[in-house]
Protein backbone atom coordinates (compact mmCIF):
# COMPACT_ATOMS: atom_id res chain seq x y z
CA MET A 1 1.90 20.10 -23.07
CA ARG A 2 3.27 22.12 -20.18
CA LYS A 3 6.05 24.55 -20.89
CA GLY A 4 8.66 22.84 -18.68
CA THR A 5 7.89 19.29 -19.80
CA LYS A 6 10.10 19.37 -22.91
CA ALA A 7 13.07 20.74 -20.96
CA MET A 8 12.61 18.08 -18.29
CA GLN A 9 12.45 15.35 -20.93
CA ASP A 10 15.65 16.63 -22.56
CA SER A 11 17.33 16.72 -19.16
CA ASP A 12 16.31 13.11 -18.45
CA GLU A 13 17.58 12.01 -21.86
CA GLU A 14 20.89 13.82 -21.31
CA ARG A 15 21.32 12.16 -17.91
CA ALA A 16 20.57 8.76 -19.44
CA ALA A 17 23.05 9.39 -22.26
CA GLU A 18 25.75 10.42 -19.78
CA ASP A 19 25.08 7.25 -17.77
CA VAL A 20 25.42 5.08 -20.88
CA LEU A 21 28.67 6.78 -21.89
CA GLY A 22 30.06 6.38 -18.39
CA ARG A 23 29.17 2.69 -18.31
CA TRP A 24 30.70 2.22 -21.78
CA ALA A 25 33.94 3.83 -20.58
CA THR A 26 34.01 1.62 -17.48
CA PHE A 27 33.41 -1.46 -19.62
CA GLY A 28 36.19 -0.43 -21.99
CA LEU A 29 38.64 -0.01 -19.12
CA ALA A 30 37.63 -3.37 -17.67
CA LEU A 31 38.39 -5.02 -21.02
CA SER A 32 42.05 -4.13 -20.54
CA ASP A 33 42.24 -6.90 -17.92
CA LYS A 34 43.17 -9.76 -20.24
CA ARG A 35 42.57 -12.43 -17.60
CA LYS A 36 38.77 -12.29 -17.49
CA TYR A 37 35.81 -10.87 -19.38
CA PRO A 38 34.12 -8.03 -17.44
CA VAL A 39 30.65 -9.59 -17.15
CA GLN A 40 29.47 -7.26 -14.39
CA GLU A 41 30.50 -4.11 -16.26
CA PHE A 42 28.93 -5.38 -19.48
CA GLY A 43 25.68 -6.12 -17.65
CA ALA A 44 25.62 -2.61 -16.18
CA PHE A 45 26.17 -1.12 -19.66
CA VAL A 46 23.34 -3.20 -21.15
CA GLN A 47 20.97 -2.15 -18.36
CA ALA A 48 21.83 1.51 -18.94
CA MET A 49 21.10 1.09 -22.67
CA ARG A 50 17.60 -0.20 -21.95
């Protein structure tokens, strides 16, 4: 294993985690609109989780 590989992997995981949290926050805000379910925001959150 190269020396920088672990740091790069951690960085990628942190970026992915930040993306998931951001999508979760967006989805949560979209839920406040009582008129419709935020399908697009939910789909983006699910994709980020994968």
